[in-house]
């Protein structure tokens, strides 16, 4: 029996193609950031497929928001606990 809905990976590929004109209209320096949004969503394809939302774009947005929230929390932790930088993040803060 065939699938009634495309896979999230297929959906994401279709979205990338549909947003191509928007991407081309962006300034060149903004295009890599735009591309990273789709890369962030690809990190959660299994979860998005499992959610099987009626509007797949909801899963895309939630995946991107989740990754951005994680980055905010990482950056906040670095600001609040700079002495733990090397311990948790593998690098030292620059001195001087």
PDB file of N, CA and C in Angstrom:
ATOM      1  N   UNK A   1       0.851  -1.172   0.000  1.00  0.00           N
ATOM      2  CA  UNK A   1       0.000   0.000   0.000  1.00  0.00           C
ATOM      3  C   UNK A   1       0.897   1.235   0.000  1.00  0.00           C
ATOM      4  N   UNK A   2       0.596   2.212  -0.840  1.00  0.00           N
ATOM      5  CA  UNK A   2       1.425   3.407  -0.977  1.00  0.00           C
ATOM      6  C   UNK A   2       1.163   4.431   0.112  1.00  0.00           C
ATOM      7  N   UNK A   3       2.061   5.356   0.186  1.00  0.00           N
ATOM      8  CA  UNK A   3       1.928   6.448   1.154  1.00  0.00           C
ATOM      9  C   UNK A   3       0.866   7.439   0.681  1.00  0.00           C
ATOM     10  N   UNK A   4       0.149   8.005   1.635  1.00  0.00           N
ATOM     11  CA  UNK A   4      -0.834   9.024   1.269  1.00  0.00           C
ATOM     12  C   UNK A   4      -0.225  10.418   1.376  1.00  0.00           C
ATOM     13  N   UNK A   5       0.854  10.532   2.134  1.00  0.00           N
ATOM     14  CA  UNK A   5       1.531  11.819   2.298  1.00  0.00           C
ATOM     15  C   UNK A   5       2.999  11.666   1.914  1.00  0.00           C
ATOM     16  N   UNK A   6       3.578  12.708   1.346  1.00  0.00           N
ATOM     17  CA  UNK A   6       5.011  12.627   1.050  1.00  0.00           C
ATOM     18  C   UNK A   6       5.814  12.591   2.356  1.00  0.00           C
ATOM     19  N   UNK A   7       7.011  12.022   2.306  1.00  0.00           N
ATOM     20  CA  UNK A   7       7.853  12.011   3.492  1.00  0.00           C
ATOM     21  C   UNK A   7       8.252  13.438   3.828  1.00  0.00           C
ATOM     22  N   UNK A   8       8.680  13.647   5.069  1.00  0.00           N
ATOM     23  CA  UNK A   8       9.102  14.995   5.449  1.00  0.00           C
ATOM     24  C   UNK A   8      10.318  15.418   4.634  1.00  0.00           C
ATOM     25  N   UNK A   9      11.178  14.479   4.304  1.00  0.00           N
ATOM     26  CA  UNK A   9      12.345  14.801   3.492  1.00  0.00           C
ATOM     27  C   UNK A   9      11.907  15.305   2.110  1.00  0.00           C
ATOM     28  N   UNK A  10      10.911  14.639   1.522  1.00  0.00           N
ATOM     29  CA  UNK A  10      10.382  15.085   0.236  1.00  0.00           C
ATOM     30  C   UNK A  10       9.751  16.459   0.382  1.00  0.00           C
ATOM     31  N   UNK A  11       9.005  16.652   1.464  1.00  0.00           N
ATOM     32  CA  UNK A  11       8.379  17.948   1.705  1.00  0.00           C
ATOM     33  C   UNK A  11       9.444  19.037   1.821  1.00  0.00           C
ATOM     34  N   UNK A  12      10.501  18.758   2.576  1.00  0.00           N
ATOM     35  CA  UNK A  12      11.551  19.744   2.776  1.00  0.00           C
ATOM     36  C   UNK A  12      12.229  20.091   1.456  1.00  0.00           C
ATOM     37  N   UNK A  13      12.473  19.104   0.624  1.00  0.00           N
ATOM     38  CA  UNK A  13      13.045  19.364  -0.699  1.00  0.00           C
ATOM     39  C   UNK A  13      12.125  20.259  -1.529  1.00  0.00           C
ATOM     40  N   UNK A  14      10.821  20.018  -1.437  1.00  0.00           N
ATOM     41  CA  UNK A  14       9.855  20.851  -2.163  1.00  0.00           C
ATOM     42  C   UNK A  14       9.862  22.286  -1.625  1.00  0.00           C
ATOM     43  N   UNK A  15       9.979  22.414  -0.300  1.00  0.00           N
ATOM     44  CA  UNK A  15      10.023  23.746   0.304  1.00  0.00           C
ATOM     45  C   UNK A  15      11.279  24.504  -0.114  1.00  0.00           C
ATOM     46  N   UNK A  16      12.398  23.812  -0.122  1.00  0.00           N
ATOM     47  CA  UNK A  16      13.649  24.451  -0.556  1.00  0.00           C
ATOM     48  C   UNK A  16      13.480  24.985  -1.970  1.00  0.00           C
ATOM     49  N   UNK A  17      12.894  24.176  -2.822  1.00  0.00           N
ATOM     50  CA  UNK A  17      12.682  24.606  -4.203  1.00  0.00           C
ATOM     51  C   UNK A  17      11.691  25.769  -4.277  1.00  0.00           C
ATOM     52  N   UNK A  18      10.637  25.711  -3.495  1.00  0.00           N
ATOM     53  CA  UNK A  18       9.629  26.778  -3.519  1.00  0.00           C
ATOM     54  C   UNK A  18      10.185  28.107  -3.008  1.00  0.00           C
ATOM     55  N   UNK A  19      11.144  28.047  -2.087  1.00  0.00           N
ATOM     56  CA  UNK A  19      11.739  29.261  -1.521  1.00  0.00           C
ATOM     57  C   UNK A  19      12.934  29.763  -2.320  1.00  0.00           C
ATOM     58  N   UNK A  20      13.307  29.064  -3.387  1.00  0.00           N
ATOM     59  CA  UNK A  20      14.474  29.448  -4.182  1.00  0.00           C
ATOM     60  C   UNK A  20      14.402  30.896  -4.694  1.00  0.00           C
ATOM     61  N   UNK A  21      13.260  31.369  -5.216  1.00  0.00           N
ATOM     62  CA  UNK A  21      13.207  32.764  -5.667  1.00  0.00           C
ATOM     63  C   UNK A  21      13.453  33.753  -4.511  1.00  0.00           C
ATOM     64  N   UNK A  22      12.921  33.450  -3.341  1.00  0.00           N
ATOM     65  CA  UNK A  22      13.150  34.293  -2.169  1.00  0.00           C
ATOM     66  C   UNK A  22      14.641  34.324  -1.835  1.00  0.00           C
ATOM     67  N   UNK A  23      15.261  33.147  -1.842  1.00  0.00           N
ATOM     68  CA  UNK A  23      16.685  33.056  -1.536  1.00  0.00           C
ATOM     69  C   UNK A  23      17.512  33.877  -2.526  1.00  0.00           C
ATOM     70  N   UNK A  24      17.176  33.756  -3.813  1.00  0.00           N
ATOM     71  CA  UNK A  24      17.918  34.516  -4.829  1.00  0.00           C
ATOM     72  C   UNK A  24      17.771  36.013  -4.628  1.00  0.00           C
ATOM     73  N   UNK A  25      16.637  36.453  -4.103  1.00  0.00           N
ATOM     74  CA  UNK A  25      16.398  37.883  -3.889  1.00  0.00           C
ATOM     75  C   UNK A  25      17.131  38.413  -2.659  1.00  0.00           C
ATOM     76  N   UNK A  26      17.553  37.515  -1.774  1.00  0.00           N
ATOM     77  CA  UNK A  26      18.287  37.949  -0.579  1.00  0.00           C
ATOM     78  C   UNK A  26      19.651  38.500  -0.958  1.00  0.00           C
ATOM     79  N   UNK A  27      20.167  39.376  -0.091  1.00  0.00           N
ATOM     80  CA  UNK A  27      21.540  39.825  -0.272  1.00  0.00           C
ATOM     81  C   UNK A  27      22.446  38.603  -0.146  1.00  0.00           C
ATOM     82  N   UNK A  28      23.550  38.642  -0.836  1.00  0.00           N
ATOM     83  CA  UNK A  28      24.470  37.500  -0.858  1.00  0.00           C
ATOM     84  C   UNK A  28      24.917  37.100   0.543  1.00  0.00           C
ATOM     85  N   UNK A  29      25.134  38.074   1.424  1.00  0.00           N
ATOM     86  CA  UNK A  29      25.585  37.746   2.779  1.00  0.00           C
ATOM     87  C   UNK A  29      24.492  37.104   3.631  1.00  0.00           C
ATOM     88  N   UNK A  30      23.211  37.242   3.234  1.00  0.00           N
ATOM     89  CA  UNK A  30      22.103  36.632   3.970  1.00  0.00           C
ATOM     90  C   UNK A  30      21.790  35.210   3.499  1.00  0.00           C
ATOM     91  N   UNK A  31      22.223  34.847   2.325  1.00  0.00           N
ATOM     92  CA  UNK A  31      21.897  33.540   1.770  1.00  0.00           C
ATOM     93  C   UNK A  31      22.421  32.370   2.609  1.00  0.00           C
ATOM     94  N   UNK A  32      23.657  32.423   3.119  1.00  0.00           N
ATOM     95  CA  UNK A  32      24.111  31.300   3.959  1.00  0.00           C
ATOM     96  C   UNK A  32      23.268  31.120   5.223  1.00  0.00           C
ATOM     97  N   UNK A  33      22.840  32.213   5.831  1.00  0.00           N
ATOM     98  CA  UNK A  33      21.990  32.116   7.024  1.00  0.00           C
ATOM     99  C   UNK A  33      20.650  31.480   6.654  1.00  0.00           C
ATOM    100  N   UNK A  34      20.107  31.854   5.524  1.00  0.00           N
ATOM    101  CA  UNK A  34      18.854  31.266   5.051  1.00  0.00           C
ATOM    102  C   UNK A  34      19.029  29.766   4.825  1.00  0.00           C
ATOM    103  N   UNK A  35      20.141  29.371   4.217  1.00  0.00           N
ATOM    104  CA  UNK A  35      20.413  27.950   3.969  1.00  0.00           C
ATOM    105  C   UNK A  35      20.527  27.178   5.281  1.00  0.00           C
ATOM    106  N   UNK A  36      21.100  27.811   6.297  1.00  0.00           N
ATOM    107  CA  UNK A  36      21.246  27.136   7.592  1.00  0.00           C
ATOM    108  C   UNK A  36      19.895  26.837   8.230  1.00  0.00           C
ATOM    109  N   UNK A  37      18.879  27.630   7.944  1.00  0.00           N
ATOM    110  CA  UNK A  37      17.547  27.334   8.485  1.00  0.00           C
ATOM    111  C   UNK A  37      17.068  25.963   8.013  1.00  0.00           C
ATOM    112  N   UNK A  38      17.271  25.678   6.749  1.00  0.00           N
ATOM    113  CA  UNK A  38      16.862  24.370   6.236  1.00  0.00           C
ATOM    114  C   UNK A  38      17.737  23.269   6.799  1.00  0.00           C
ATOM    115  N   UNK A  39      19.013  23.561   6.994  1.00  0.00           N
ATOM    116  CA  UNK A  39      19.908  22.573   7.604  1.00  0.00           C
ATOM    117  C   UNK A  39      19.465  22.262   9.027  1.00  0.00           C
ATOM    118  N   UNK A  40      19.015  23.285   9.751  1.00  0.00           N
ATOM    119  CA  UNK A  40      18.519  23.065  11.113  1.00  0.00           C
ATOM    120  C   UNK A  40      17.281  22.178  11.102  1.00  0.00           C
ATOM    121  N   UNK A  41      16.392  22.413  10.163  1.00  0.00           N
ATOM    122  CA  UNK A  41      15.176  21.604  10.075  1.00  0.00           C
ATOM    123  C   UNK A  41      15.516  20.149   9.751  1.00  0.00           C
ATOM    124  N   UNK A  42      16.541  19.928   8.945  1.00  0.00           N
ATOM    125  CA  UNK A  42      16.919  18.553   8.566  1.00  0.00           C
ATOM    126  C   UNK A  42      17.405  17.750   9.767  1.00  0.00           C
ATOM    127  N   UNK A  43      17.863  18.428  10.816  1.00  0.00           N
ATOM    128  CA  UNK A  43      18.307  17.724  12.019  1.00  0.00           C
ATOM    129  C   UNK A  43      17.161  17.002  12.713  1.00  0.00           C
ATOM    130  N   UNK A  44      15.931  17.400  12.415  1.00  0.00           N
ATOM    131  CA  UNK A  44      14.765  16.846  13.111  1.00  0.00           C
ATOM    132  C   UNK A  44      13.763  16.218  12.151  1.00  0.00           C
ATOM    133  N   UNK A  45      14.252  15.636  11.072  1.00  0.00           N
ATOM    134  CA  UNK A  45      13.344  15.025  10.100  1.00  0.00           C
ATOM    135  C   UNK A  45      12.570  13.857  10.698  1.00  0.00           C
ATOM    136  N   UNK A  46      13.225  13.055  11.513  1.00  0.00           N
ATOM    137  CA  UNK A  46      12.531  11.901  12.105  1.00  0.00           C
ATOM    138  C   UNK A  46      11.404  12.365  13.013  1.00  0.00           C
ATOM    139  N   UNK A  47      11.672  13.386  13.814  1.00  0.00           N
ATOM    140  CA  UNK A  47      10.641  13.904  14.716  1.00  0.00           C
ATOM    141  C   UNK A  47       9.492  14.520  13.926  1.00  0.00           C
ATOM    142  N   UNK A  48       9.843  15.242  12.862  1.00  0.00           N
ATOM    143  CA  UNK A  48       8.814  15.870  12.026  1.00  0.00           C
ATOM    144  C   UNK A  48       7.940  14.811  11.356  1.00  0.00           C
ATOM    145  N   UNK A  49       8.569  13.747  10.898  1.00  0.00           N
ATOM    146  CA  UNK A  49       7.798  12.664  10.273  1.00  0.00           C
ATOM    147  C   UNK A  49       6.890  12.003  11.299  1.00  0.00           C
ATOM    148  N   UNK A  50       7.400  11.833  12.493  1.00  0.00           N
ATOM    149  CA  UNK A  50       6.613  11.211  13.557  1.00  0.00           C
ATOM    150  C   UNK A  50       5.415  12.083  13.947  1.00  0.00           C
ATOM    151  N   UNK A  51       5.612  13.395  13.928  1.00  0.00           N
ATOM    152  CA  UNK A  51       4.523  14.316  14.298  1.00  0.00           C
ATOM    153  C   UNK A  51       3.389  14.273  13.279  1.00  0.00           C
ATOM    154  N   UNK A  52       3.728  14.058  12.011  1.00  0.00           N
ATOM    155  CA  UNK A  52       2.726  13.969  10.935  1.00  0.00           C
ATOM    156  C   UNK A  52       1.697  15.092  11.025  1.00  0.00           C
ATOM    157  N   UNK A  53       2.179  16.316  11.097  1.00  0.00           N
ATOM    158  CA  UNK A  53       1.288  17.477  11.184  1.00  0.00           C
ATOM    159  C   UNK A  53       0.528  17.663   9.868  1.00  0.00           C
ATOM    160  N   UNK A  54      -0.712  18.140   9.940  1.00  0.00           N
ATOM    161  CA  UNK A  54      -1.475  18.377   8.711  1.00  0.00           C
ATOM    162  C   UNK A  54      -0.810  19.426   7.823  1.00  0.00           C
ATOM    163  N   UNK A  55      -0.129  20.380   8.445  1.00  0.00           N
ATOM    164  CA  UNK A  55       0.622  21.398   7.705  1.00  0.00           C
ATOM    165  C   UNK A  55       2.099  21.141   8.008  1.00  0.00           C
ATOM    166  N   UNK A  56       2.823  20.497   7.098  1.00  0.00           N
ATOM    167  CA  UNK A  56       4.210  20.129   7.374  1.00  0.00           C
ATOM    168  C   UNK A  56       5.115  21.314   7.701  1.00  0.00           C
ATOM    169  N   UNK A  57       4.755  22.499   7.213  1.00  0.00           N
ATOM    170  CA  UNK A  57       5.573  23.681   7.500  1.00  0.00           C
ATOM    171  C   UNK A  57       5.636  23.940   9.003  1.00  0.00           C
ATOM    172  N   UNK A  58       4.595  23.540   9.743  1.00  0.00           N
ATOM    173  CA  UNK A  58       4.613  23.675  11.205  1.00  0.00           C
ATOM    174  C   UNK A  58       5.794  22.911  11.799  1.00  0.00           C
ATOM    175  N   UNK A  59       6.040  21.712  11.314  1.00  0.00           N
ATOM    176  CA  UNK A  59       7.158  20.912  11.812  1.00  0.00           C
ATOM    177  C   UNK A  59       8.487  21.545  11.444  1.00  0.00           C
ATOM    178  N   UNK A  60       8.555  22.109  10.242  1.00  0.00           N
ATOM    179  CA  UNK A  60       9.765  22.813   9.817  1.00  0.00           C
ATOM    180  C   UNK A  60      10.064  23.963  10.766  1.00  0.00           C
ATOM    181  N   UNK A  61       9.064  24.787  11.027  1.00  0.00           N
ATOM    182  CA  UNK A  61       9.244  25.943  11.900  1.00  0.00           C
ATOM    183  C   UNK A  61       9.605  25.503  13.316  1.00  0.00           C
ATOM    184  N   UNK A  62       8.945  24.491  13.824  1.00  0.00           N
ATOM    185  CA  UNK A  62       9.234  24.031  15.178  1.00  0.00           C
ATOM    186  C   UNK A  62      10.663  23.492  15.276  1.00  0.00           C
ATOM    187  N   UNK A  63      11.119  22.779  14.265  1.00  0.00           N
ATOM    188  CA  UNK A  63      12.485  22.253  14.266  1.00  0.00           C
ATOM    189  C   UNK A  63      13.510  23.387  14.285  1.00  0.00           C
ATOM    190  N   UNK A  64      13.267  24.407  13.481  1.00  0.00           N
ATOM    191  CA  UNK A  64      14.178  25.557  13.451  1.00  0.00           C
ATOM    192  C   UNK A  64      14.144  26.292  14.787  1.00  0.00           C
ATOM    193  N   UNK A  65      12.953  26.514  15.323  1.00  0.00           N
ATOM    194  CA  UNK A  65      12.838  27.188  16.615  1.00  0.00           C
ATOM    195  C   UNK A  65      13.539  26.404  17.723  1.00  0.00           C
ATOM    196  N   UNK A  66      13.400  25.094  17.695  1.00  0.00           N
ATOM    197  CA  UNK A  66      14.059  24.262  18.693  1.00  0.00           C
ATOM    198  C   UNK A  66      15.575  24.431  18.635  1.00  0.00           C
ATOM    199  N   UNK A  67      16.141  24.376  17.443  1.00  0.00           N
ATOM    200  CA  UNK A  67      17.591  24.529  17.300  1.00  0.00           C
ATOM    201  C   UNK A  67      18.043  25.934  17.692  1.00  0.00           C
ATOM    202  N   UNK A  68      17.259  26.942  17.355  1.00  0.00           N
ATOM    203  CA  UNK A  68      17.618  28.303  17.745  1.00  0.00           C
ATOM    204  C   UNK A  68      17.515  28.481  19.259  1.00  0.00           C
ATOM    205  N   UNK A  69      16.533  27.871  19.881  1.00  0.00           N
ATOM    206  CA  UNK A  69      16.403  27.940  21.336  1.00  0.00           C
ATOM    207  C   UNK A  69      17.599  27.281  22.008  1.00  0.00           C
ATOM    208  N   UNK A  70      18.029  26.147  21.486  1.00  0.00           N
ATOM    209  CA  UNK A  70      19.199  25.470  22.040  1.00  0.00           C
ATOM    210  C   UNK A  70      20.437  26.367  21.936  1.00  0.00           C
ATOM    211  N   UNK A  71      20.574  27.057  20.812  1.00  0.00           N
ATOM    212  CA  UNK A  71      21.715  27.964  20.639  1.00  0.00           C
ATOM    213  C   UNK A  71      21.627  29.140  21.612  1.00  0.00           C
ATOM    214  N   UNK A  72      20.448  29.691  21.807  1.00  0.00           N
ATOM    215  CA  UNK A  72      20.270  30.772  22.781  1.00  0.00           C
ATOM    216  C   UNK A  72      20.686  30.297  24.164  1.00  0.00           C
ATOM    217  N   UNK A  73      20.270  29.101  24.535  1.00  0.00           N
ATOM    218  CA  UNK A  73      20.612  28.575  25.855  1.00  0.00           C
ATOM    219  C   UNK A  73      22.113  28.323  25.993  1.00  0.00           C
ATOM    220  N   UNK A  74      22.749  27.837  24.924  1.00  0.00           N
ATOM    221  CA  UNK A  74      24.208  27.649  24.962  1.00  0.00           C
ATOM    222  C   UNK A  74      24.917  28.983  25.137  1.00  0.00           C
ATOM    223  N   UNK A  75      24.493  29.986  24.386  1.00  0.00           N
ATOM    224  CA  UNK A  75      25.121  31.301  24.487  1.00  0.00           C
ATOM    225  C   UNK A  75      24.870  31.939  25.852  1.00  0.00           C
ATOM    226  N   UNK A  76      23.665  31.786  26.361  1.00  0.00           N
ATOM    227  CA  UNK A  76      23.340  32.323  27.681  1.00  0.00           C
ATOM    228  C   UNK A  76      24.216  31.669  28.751  1.00  0.00           C
ATOM    229  N   UNK A  77      24.391  30.364  28.661  1.00  0.00           N
ATOM    230  CA  UNK A  77      25.244  29.650  29.622  1.00  0.00           C
ATOM    231  C   UNK A  77      26.681  30.159  29.537  1.00  0.00           C
ATOM    232  N   UNK A  78      27.157  30.429  28.347  1.00  0.00           N
ATOM    233  CA  UNK A  78      28.516  30.948  28.181  1.00  0.00           C
ATOM    234  C   UNK A  78      28.647  32.323  28.816  1.00  0.00           C
ATOM    235  N   UNK A  79      27.627  33.150  28.696  1.00  0.00           N
ATOM    236  CA  UNK A  79      27.668  34.485  29.294  1.00  0.00           C
ATOM    237  C   UNK A  79      27.561  34.435  30.811  1.00  0.00           C
ATOM    238  N   UNK A  80      26.733  33.537  31.317  1.00  0.00           N
ATOM    239  CA  UNK A  80      26.512  33.456  32.759  1.00  0.00           C
ATOM    240  C   UNK A  80      27.644  32.740  33.481  1.00  0.00           C
ATOM    241  N   UNK A  81      28.353  31.846  32.793  1.00  0.00           N
ATOM    242  CA  UNK A  81      29.400  31.044  33.424  1.00  0.00           C
ATOM    243  C   UNK A  81      30.648  31.005  32.552  1.00  0.00           C
ATOM    244  N   UNK A  82      31.270  32.149  32.342  1.00  0.00           N
ATOM    245  CA  UNK A  82      32.429  32.169  31.444  1.00  0.00           C
ATOM    246  C   UNK A  82      33.586  31.313  31.952  1.00  0.00           C
ATOM    247  N   UNK A  83      33.718  31.114  33.265  1.00  0.00           N
ATOM    248  CA  UNK A  83      34.801  30.299  33.793  1.00  0.00           C
ATOM    249  C   UNK A  83      34.634  28.838  33.416  1.00  0.00           C
ATOM    250  N   UNK A  84      33.423  28.413  33.080  1.00  0.00           N
ATOM    251  CA  UNK A  84      33.164  27.021  32.707  1.00  0.00           C
ATOM    252  C   UNK A  84      33.331  26.803  31.211  1.00  0.00           C
ATOM    253  N   UNK A  85      33.719  27.834  30.495  1.00  0.00           N
ATOM    254  CA  UNK A  85      33.823  27.762  29.039  1.00  0.00           C
ATOM    255  C   UNK A  85      34.615  26.547  28.575  1.00  0.00           C
ATOM    256  N   UNK A  86      35.836  26.395  29.051  1.00  0.00           N
ATOM    257  CA  UNK A  86      36.670  25.284  28.611  1.00  0.00           C
ATOM    258  C   UNK A  86      36.099  23.940  29.015  1.00  0.00           C
ATOM    259  N   UNK A  87      35.494  23.885  30.183  1.00  0.00           N
ATOM    260  CA  UNK A  87      34.956  22.627  30.704  1.00  0.00           C
ATOM    261  C   UNK A  87      33.773  22.128  29.876  1.00  0.00           C
ATOM    262  N   UNK A  88      32.874  23.030  29.505  1.00  0.00           N
ATOM    263  CA  UNK A  88      31.653  22.620  28.819  1.00  0.00           C
ATOM    264  C   UNK A  88      31.713  22.759  27.305  1.00  0.00           C
ATOM    265  N   UNK A  89      32.522  23.670  26.817  1.00  0.00           N
ATOM    266  CA  UNK A  89      32.479  23.959  25.393  1.00  0.00           C
ATOM    267  C   UNK A  89      33.773  23.620  24.667  1.00  0.00           C
ATOM    268  N   UNK A  90      34.784  23.168  25.408  1.00  0.00           N
ATOM    269  CA  UNK A  90      35.994  22.695  24.756  1.00  0.00           C
ATOM    270  C   UNK A  90      36.979  23.750  24.330  1.00  0.00           C
ATOM    271  N   UNK A  91      36.700  25.025  24.593  1.00  0.00           N
ATOM    272  CA  UNK A  91      37.645  26.078  24.247  1.00  0.00           C
ATOM    273  C   UNK A  91      37.728  27.073  25.377  1.00  0.00           C
ATOM    274  N   UNK A  92      38.784  27.803  25.402  1.00  0.00           N
ATOM    275  CA  UNK A  92      38.981  28.838  26.410  1.00  0.00           C
ATOM    276  C   UNK A  92      38.509  30.172  25.866  1.00  0.00           C
ATOM    277  N   UNK A  93      38.080  31.059  26.758  1.00  0.00           N
ATOM    278  CA  UNK A  93      37.776  32.432  26.361  1.00  0.00           C
ATOM    279  C   UNK A  93      39.094  33.102  26.024  1.00  0.00           C
ATOM    280  N   UNK A  94      39.126  33.946  25.025  1.00  0.00           N
ATOM    281  CA  UNK A  94      40.356  34.671  24.715  1.00  0.00           C
ATOM    282  C   UNK A  94      40.730  35.599  25.872  1.00  0.00           C
ATOM    283  N   UNK A  95      41.988  35.668  26.212  1.00  0.00           N
ATOM    284  CA  UNK A  95      42.444  36.574  27.254  1.00  0.00           C
ATOM    285  C   UNK A  95      43.267  37.672  26.610  1.00  0.00           C
ATOM    286  N   UNK A  96      42.997  38.881  27.015  1.00  0.00           N
ATOM    287  CA  UNK A  96      43.807  39.985  26.508  1.00  0.00           C
ATOM    288  C   UNK A  96      43.236  40.541  25.314  1.00  0.00           C
TER     289      UNK A  96
END
